[in-house]
Amino acid sequence: MSKTATVHARIEPKLKKQAEGILRRLGLNQTQAITLFYKQVELHDGLPFNIVIPNKTTIRTFQNTDAGRNLVVCEDVNDMFKKLGI
């Protein structure tokens, strides 16, 4: 199949740089990543992930986390499981 269509998008430079670094680690370039995304949209007949508006609890949790409040810090995975009671 011939590739003749072009996609143009404007995004924040910081987001672009961070995403490209991750894609490089995955062995993908921008074209391959966009093609994968579009293929998943086609296969799912919509976005390949859920998009939801955060509820009040989630928003409060994000705000607390951003402010460094109510955090549980774990030394390692074992400590995390211990604190979770698992």
N, C-alpha and C. Protein backbone atom coordinates (compact mmCIF):
# COMPACT_ATOMS: atom_id res chain seq x y z
N MET A 1 0.85 -1.17 0.00
CA MET A 1 0.00 0.00 0.00
C MET A 1 0.90 1.23 0.00
N SER A 2 0.61 2.15 -0.87
CA SER A 2 1.43 3.35 -1.00
C SER A 2 1.08 4.37 0.08
N LYS A 3 2.10 4.99 0.62
CA LYS A 3 1.91 5.99 1.67
C LYS A 3 2.02 7.37 1.04
N THR A 4 0.87 8.02 0.85
CA THR A 4 0.88 9.33 0.21
C THR A 4 0.21 10.42 1.03
N ALA A 5 -0.49 10.05 2.10
CA ALA A 5 -1.17 11.05 2.93
C ALA A 5 -0.20 11.61 3.96
N THR A 6 -0.39 12.86 4.31
CA THR A 6 0.47 13.53 5.29
C THR A 6 -0.37 14.00 6.47
N VAL A 7 0.21 13.89 7.66
CA VAL A 7 -0.43 14.37 8.88
C VAL A 7 0.44 15.48 9.44
N HIS A 8 -0.15 16.62 9.73
CA HIS A 8 0.57 17.75 10.34
C HIS A 8 -0.06 18.02 11.70
N ALA A 9 0.76 18.21 12.71
CA ALA A 9 0.25 18.50 14.04
C ALA A 9 1.21 19.43 14.76
N ARG A 10 0.66 20.33 15.54
CA ARG A 10 1.48 21.21 16.38
C ARG A 10 1.32 20.76 17.82
N ILE A 11 2.45 20.49 18.47
CA ILE A 11 2.43 20.07 19.86
C ILE A 11 3.52 20.82 20.62
N GLU A 12 3.44 20.76 21.93
CA GLU A 12 4.43 21.43 22.76
C GLU A 12 5.80 20.79 22.54
N PRO A 13 6.84 21.60 22.37
CA PRO A 13 8.19 21.06 22.13
C PRO A 13 8.65 20.08 23.21
N LYS A 14 8.35 20.36 24.48
CA LYS A 14 8.78 19.48 25.56
C LYS A 14 8.12 18.10 25.43
N LEU A 15 6.82 18.09 25.14
CA LEU A 15 6.10 16.83 24.96
C LEU A 15 6.67 16.05 23.78
N LYS A 16 6.95 16.75 22.68
CA LYS A 16 7.52 16.11 21.49
C LYS A 16 8.86 15.46 21.81
N LYS A 17 9.72 16.19 22.50
CA LYS A 17 11.05 15.67 22.83
C LYS A 17 10.94 14.45 23.74
N GLN A 18 10.10 14.52 24.77
CA GLN A 18 9.96 13.39 25.70
C GLN A 18 9.38 12.17 24.98
N ALA A 19 8.36 12.38 24.18
CA ALA A 19 7.73 11.27 23.46
C ALA A 19 8.71 10.64 22.47
N GLU A 20 9.48 11.46 21.77
CA GLU A 20 10.44 10.93 20.80
C GLU A 20 11.51 10.09 21.48
N GLY A 21 11.92 10.51 22.69
CA GLY A 21 12.89 9.72 23.44
C GLY A 21 12.35 8.34 23.79
N ILE A 22 11.10 8.30 24.20
CA ILE A 22 10.46 7.02 24.53
C ILE A 22 10.31 6.17 23.28
N LEU A 23 9.86 6.80 22.19
CA LEU A 23 9.71 6.06 20.93
C LEU A 23 11.04 5.48 20.46
N ARG A 24 12.13 6.24 20.59
CA ARG A 24 13.46 5.74 20.21
C ARG A 24 13.81 4.49 21.00
N ARG A 25 13.52 4.53 22.32
CA ARG A 25 13.81 3.36 23.16
C ARG A 25 12.99 2.16 22.73
N LEU A 26 11.83 2.41 22.16
CA LEU A 26 10.97 1.33 21.67
C LEU A 26 11.33 0.91 20.25
N GLY A 27 12.26 1.63 19.64
CA GLY A 27 12.66 1.31 18.27
C GLY A 27 11.69 1.82 17.22
N LEU A 28 10.95 2.86 17.56
CA LEU A 28 9.96 3.42 16.64
C LEU A 28 10.29 4.86 16.28
N ASN A 29 9.97 5.24 15.05
CA ASN A 29 10.06 6.65 14.69
C ASN A 29 8.65 7.25 14.75
N GLN A 30 8.54 8.54 14.49
CA GLN A 30 7.25 9.23 14.61
C GLN A 30 6.22 8.65 13.64
N THR A 31 6.63 8.39 12.42
CA THR A 31 5.70 7.86 11.43
C THR A 31 5.16 6.50 11.86
N GLN A 32 6.03 5.64 12.34
CA GLN A 32 5.60 4.32 12.79
C GLN A 32 4.63 4.44 13.97
N ALA A 33 4.94 5.34 14.91
CA ALA A 33 4.08 5.51 16.09
C ALA A 33 2.70 6.04 15.69
N ILE A 34 2.67 7.01 14.80
CA ILE A 34 1.39 7.56 14.35
C ILE A 34 0.60 6.49 13.59
N THR A 35 1.29 5.71 12.76
CA THR A 35 0.63 4.63 12.03
C THR A 35 0.03 3.61 13.00
N LEU A 36 0.79 3.25 14.05
CA LEU A 36 0.27 2.32 15.07
C LEU A 36 -0.97 2.89 15.74
N PHE A 37 -0.91 4.16 16.10
CA PHE A 37 -2.05 4.80 16.75
C PHE A 37 -3.27 4.80 15.82
N TYR A 38 -3.09 5.21 14.58
CA TYR A 38 -4.21 5.24 13.64
C TYR A 38 -4.78 3.84 13.42
N LYS A 39 -3.91 2.83 13.35
CA LYS A 39 -4.38 1.45 13.16
C LYS A 39 -5.22 1.00 14.35
N GLN A 40 -4.79 1.37 15.55
CA GLN A 40 -5.55 1.03 16.75
C GLN A 40 -6.89 1.75 16.78
N VAL A 41 -6.93 3.00 16.33
CA VAL A 41 -8.19 3.73 16.23
C VAL A 41 -9.13 2.99 15.28
N GLU A 42 -8.57 2.55 14.16
CA GLU A 42 -9.38 1.80 13.19
C GLU A 42 -9.90 0.50 13.80
N LEU A 43 -9.01 -0.26 14.45
CA LEU A 43 -9.40 -1.55 15.02
C LEU A 43 -10.41 -1.42 16.15
N HIS A 44 -10.30 -0.35 16.95
CA HIS A 44 -11.21 -0.14 18.08
C HIS A 44 -12.48 0.63 17.66
N ASP A 45 -12.47 1.14 16.44
CA ASP A 45 -13.57 1.98 15.97
C ASP A 45 -13.74 3.17 16.93
N GLY A 46 -12.63 3.70 17.37
CA GLY A 46 -12.60 4.83 18.32
C GLY A 46 -11.22 4.91 18.94
N LEU A 47 -11.08 5.70 19.95
CA LEU A 47 -9.78 5.80 20.62
C LEU A 47 -9.43 4.48 21.30
N PRO A 48 -8.16 4.09 21.26
CA PRO A 48 -7.76 2.79 21.83
C PRO A 48 -7.54 2.83 23.34
N PHE A 49 -8.10 3.84 24.00
CA PHE A 49 -8.00 3.96 25.45
C PHE A 49 -9.18 4.80 25.92
N ASN A 50 -9.51 4.67 27.19
CA ASN A 50 -10.64 5.42 27.73
C ASN A 50 -10.26 6.87 28.00
N ILE A 51 -11.14 7.76 27.65
CA ILE A 51 -10.99 9.18 27.96
C ILE A 51 -12.13 9.53 28.91
N VAL A 52 -11.78 9.98 30.11
CA VAL A 52 -12.81 10.31 31.08
C VAL A 52 -12.48 11.63 31.75
N ILE A 53 -13.48 12.28 32.23
CA ILE A 53 -13.30 13.51 33.00
C ILE A 53 -13.09 13.09 34.45
N PRO A 54 -11.98 13.50 35.07
CA PRO A 54 -11.73 13.09 36.45
C PRO A 54 -12.84 13.55 37.39
N ASN A 55 -13.19 12.68 38.35
CA ASN A 55 -14.19 13.07 39.35
C ASN A 55 -13.51 13.89 40.44
N LYS A 56 -14.29 14.38 41.40
CA LYS A 56 -13.75 15.25 42.45
C LYS A 56 -12.66 14.57 43.26
N THR A 57 -12.82 13.29 43.55
CA THR A 57 -11.82 12.56 44.33
C THR A 57 -10.51 12.47 43.57
N THR A 58 -10.60 12.17 42.28
CA THR A 58 -9.40 12.07 41.46
C THR A 58 -8.70 13.41 41.35
N ILE A 59 -9.46 14.47 41.13
CA ILE A 59 -8.87 15.82 41.03
C ILE A 59 -8.18 16.18 42.34
N ARG A 60 -8.83 15.90 43.48
CA ARG A 60 -8.23 16.20 44.79
C ARG A 60 -6.95 15.39 44.98
N THR A 61 -6.96 14.14 44.56
CA THR A 61 -5.77 13.29 44.67
C THR A 61 -4.63 13.85 43.82
N PHE A 62 -4.94 14.27 42.59
CA PHE A 62 -3.91 14.88 41.73
C PHE A 62 -3.34 16.13 42.39
N GLN A 63 -4.20 16.97 42.94
CA GLN A 63 -3.76 18.21 43.58
C GLN A 63 -2.87 17.91 44.79
N ASN A 64 -3.28 16.94 45.61
CA ASN A 64 -2.49 16.56 46.78
C ASN A 64 -1.14 16.00 46.36
N THR A 65 -1.15 15.16 45.35
CA THR A 65 0.11 14.56 44.87
C THR A 65 1.03 15.65 44.35
N ASP A 66 0.50 16.55 43.53
CA ASP A 66 1.32 17.64 42.99
C ASP A 66 1.90 18.51 44.10
N ALA A 67 1.15 18.65 45.20
CA ALA A 67 1.61 19.48 46.32
C ALA A 67 2.46 18.67 47.31
N GLY A 68 2.61 17.36 47.06
CA GLY A 68 3.42 16.53 47.96
C GLY A 68 2.71 16.15 49.24
N ARG A 69 1.37 16.21 49.23
CA ARG A 69 0.59 15.88 50.42
C ARG A 69 0.02 14.47 50.32
N ASN A 70 -0.14 13.84 51.49
CA ASN A 70 -0.79 12.53 51.58
C ASN A 70 -0.12 11.46 50.72
N LEU A 71 1.19 11.53 50.62
CA LEU A 71 1.92 10.54 49.84
C LEU A 71 2.37 9.39 50.72
N VAL A 72 2.38 8.21 50.15
CA VAL A 72 2.95 7.04 50.82
C VAL A 72 4.21 6.69 50.04
N VAL A 73 5.35 6.85 50.68
CA VAL A 73 6.63 6.59 50.03
C VAL A 73 7.11 5.21 50.45
N CYS A 74 7.50 4.42 49.46
CA CYS A 74 7.96 3.06 49.72
C CYS A 74 9.43 2.94 49.36
N GLU A 75 10.16 2.15 50.17
CA GLU A 75 11.57 1.95 49.91
C GLU A 75 11.79 1.05 48.70
N ASP A 76 10.94 0.08 48.52
CA ASP A 76 11.04 -0.85 47.41
C ASP A 76 9.71 -1.57 47.25
N VAL A 77 9.67 -2.55 46.35
CA VAL A 77 8.43 -3.27 46.07
C VAL A 77 7.94 -4.01 47.31
N ASN A 78 8.84 -4.64 48.04
CA ASN A 78 8.44 -5.37 49.23
C ASN A 78 7.81 -4.44 50.27
N ASP A 79 8.39 -3.26 50.44
CA ASP A 79 7.85 -2.27 51.36
C ASP A 79 6.46 -1.83 50.90
N MET A 80 6.29 -1.67 49.60
CA MET A 80 4.98 -1.28 49.06
C MET A 80 3.93 -2.34 49.38
N PHE A 81 4.27 -3.62 49.12
CA PHE A 81 3.31 -4.69 49.39
C PHE A 81 2.98 -4.76 50.90
N LYS A 82 4.00 -4.53 51.72
CA LYS A 82 3.79 -4.56 53.18
C LYS A 82 2.81 -3.45 53.57
N LYS A 83 3.01 -2.26 53.04
CA LYS A 83 2.15 -1.13 53.37
C LYS A 83 0.73 -1.34 52.82
N LEU A 84 0.62 -2.09 51.73
CA LEU A 84 -0.70 -2.40 51.16
C LEU A 84 -1.37 -3.57 51.87
N GLY A 85 -0.61 -4.25 52.71
CA GLY A 85 -1.16 -5.40 53.42
C GLY A 85 -1.27 -6.63 52.56
N ILE A 86 -0.42 -6.71 51.57
CA ILE A 86 -0.45 -7.85 50.63
C ILE A 86 0.70 -8.80 50.95
